Protein backbone atom coordinates (compact mmCIF):
# COMPACT_ATOMS: atom_id res chain seq x y z
CA MET A 1 -16.18 -7.01 13.05
CA ASN A 2 -13.46 -8.74 15.03
CA ASP A 3 -9.75 -8.58 14.12
CA ALA A 4 -9.63 -12.17 12.66
CA HIS A 5 -12.50 -11.59 10.30
CA LEU A 6 -10.96 -8.33 9.19
CA ASP A 7 -7.59 -10.17 8.65
CA GLU A 8 -9.24 -12.89 6.65
CA ARG A 9 -10.99 -10.20 4.53
CA ILE A 10 -7.76 -8.36 3.89
CA ARG A 11 -6.00 -11.55 2.96
CA GLN A 12 -8.65 -12.52 0.23
CA MET A 13 -9.06 -8.92 -1.12
CA THR A 14 -7.38 -8.56 -4.66
CA PHE A 15 -4.89 -5.77 -5.31
CA ALA A 16 -6.72 -5.11 -8.44
CA SER A 17 -9.98 -4.38 -6.68
CA VAL A 18 -8.48 -1.62 -4.40
CA TYR A 19 -6.02 -0.28 -7.01
CA PRO A 20 -8.57 1.93 -8.90
CA HIS A 21 -9.51 3.57 -5.59
CA TYR A 22 -5.68 4.27 -4.81
CA LEU A 23 -5.36 5.77 -8.23
CA ALA A 24 -8.60 7.98 -7.97
CA LYS A 25 -7.62 9.21 -4.63
CA ALA A 26 -4.26 10.18 -5.72
CA GLN A 27 -5.40 11.84 -9.07
CA LYS A 28 -8.19 13.57 -7.38
CA LYS A 29 -5.53 15.47 -5.47
CA GLY A 30 -3.35 16.17 -8.46
CA ARG A 31 -1.03 13.45 -8.22
CA THR A 32 -0.06 11.06 -11.17
CA LYS A 33 -0.22 7.43 -11.74
CA ALA A 34 3.62 7.46 -12.11
CA GLU A 35 3.82 8.94 -8.68
CA LEU A 36 1.51 6.14 -7.27
CA HIS A 37 3.53 3.54 -9.02
CA GLN A 38 6.69 4.95 -7.42
CA VAL A 39 5.24 4.73 -4.01
CA ILE A 40 3.95 1.10 -4.59
CA ALA A 41 7.36 0.15 -6.12
CA TRP A 42 9.25 1.88 -3.03
CA LEU A 43 7.11 -0.31 -0.64
CA THR A 44 7.17 -3.64 -2.48
CA GLY A 45 10.31 -3.64 -4.69
CA TYR A 46 8.17 -4.47 -7.64
CA SER A 47 8.87 -3.04 -11.11
CA GLU A 48 6.32 -1.30 -13.46
CA GLU A 49 5.93 -4.76 -15.14
CA GLU A 50 5.41 -6.74 -11.88
CA ILE A 51 2.78 -4.17 -10.65
CA HIS A 52 0.87 -4.72 -13.93
CA GLU A 53 1.24 -8.52 -13.71
CA HIS A 54 -0.38 -8.30 -10.15
CA LEU A 55 -3.22 -6.19 -11.41
CA GLU A 56 -3.83 -8.38 -14.45
CA SER A 57 -3.60 -11.61 -12.62
CA HIS A 58 -5.87 -10.17 -9.67
CA SER A 59 -3.39 -11.31 -6.99
CA THR A 60 -4.83 -11.26 -3.56
CA PHE A 61 -3.06 -9.05 -0.99
CA GLU A 62 -1.74 -12.24 0.44
CA ASP A 63 -0.01 -13.22 -2.72
CA PHE A 64 0.87 -9.51 -3.61
CA PHE A 65 2.82 -9.07 -0.37
CA ALA A 66 4.13 -12.68 -0.23
CA ASN A 67 6.28 -12.03 -3.25
CA ALA A 68 7.15 -8.44 -2.34
CA ARG A 69 10.58 -7.32 -1.27
CA LEU A 70 9.46 -5.09 1.47
CA ASN A 71 11.50 -1.91 1.72
CA PRO A 72 13.58 -2.10 4.99
CA ASN A 73 12.42 1.54 5.71
CA ALA A 74 8.79 0.54 5.80
CA ARG A 75 9.16 0.23 9.47
CA HIS A 76 9.37 4.07 9.56
CA ILE A 77 5.84 4.40 8.35
CA THR A 78 3.77 5.42 11.46
CA GLY A 79 0.53 7.01 12.10
CA SER A 80 -3.17 6.15 11.91
CA ILE A 81 -5.08 4.88 8.99
CA CYS A 82 -8.70 3.56 8.92
CA GLY A 83 -8.60 3.93 12.86
CA TYR A 84 -5.40 1.80 13.35
CA ARG A 85 -1.87 2.77 14.19
CA VAL A 86 0.17 1.15 11.59
CA GLU A 87 3.06 0.62 13.78
CA GLU A 88 0.83 -1.39 16.24
CA ILE A 89 -0.74 -3.83 13.87
CA GLU A 90 0.25 -7.29 14.97
CA ASN A 91 -0.85 -9.24 11.75
CA PRO A 92 2.04 -8.87 9.31
CA LEU A 93 -0.15 -8.83 6.15
CA ALA A 94 -2.69 -6.38 7.77
CA GLN A 95 0.27 -4.19 8.54
CA GLN A 96 1.83 -4.19 5.03
CA VAL A 97 -1.63 -3.34 3.53
CA ARG A 98 -2.05 -0.52 6.01
CA TYR A 99 1.58 0.69 5.07
CA LEU A 100 0.34 0.91 1.47
CA ASP A 101 -2.88 2.76 2.46
CA LYS A 102 -0.87 5.10 4.56
CA LEU A 103 1.45 5.87 1.69
CA VAL A 104 -1.33 6.48 -0.76
CA ASP A 105 -2.97 8.86 1.70
CA GLU A 106 0.24 10.76 2.16
CA LEU A 107 0.57 11.02 -1.58
CA ALA A 108 -3.04 12.28 -1.81
CA ARG A 109 -2.40 14.77 0.98
CA GLY A 110 0.25 16.32 -1.12
CA ARG A 111 3.22 15.26 0.81
CA LYS A 112 6.49 15.53 -0.96
CA LEU A 113 7.70 12.19 -2.60
CA GLU A 114 11.02 12.36 -0.75
CA LYS A 115 9.22 12.41 2.50
CA ILE A 116 6.76 9.63 1.66
CA LEU A 117 9.64 7.50 0.48
CA ARG A 118 11.50 8.12 3.75
CA THR A 119 14.61 9.47 1.83
CA ALA A 120 14.51 12.90 3.62
């Protein structure tokens, strides 16, 4: 699959379709829904209510991130996820989705919240 096709799939994918996977991954490793929402809020600037609105309205990732207030420290998210180095992804939307994937992965791996949120 070429990058343009992948970028289009990511753009049209809904946040609500991926969210249950994020939640299951986190909870399977003993993390809470509240911690997952804290990570999402840190990255996007969304309140708990706004996260729920995006879930209920089945926002595409394009709409989800278009309205986000991306945390300026998101640029410090580095490493590989799904075979891609997040800091090298050129498509801004694909990079933002991978930022979220990476944060959820770090949460599921048991990393301390302060480290995930790039505060320590």
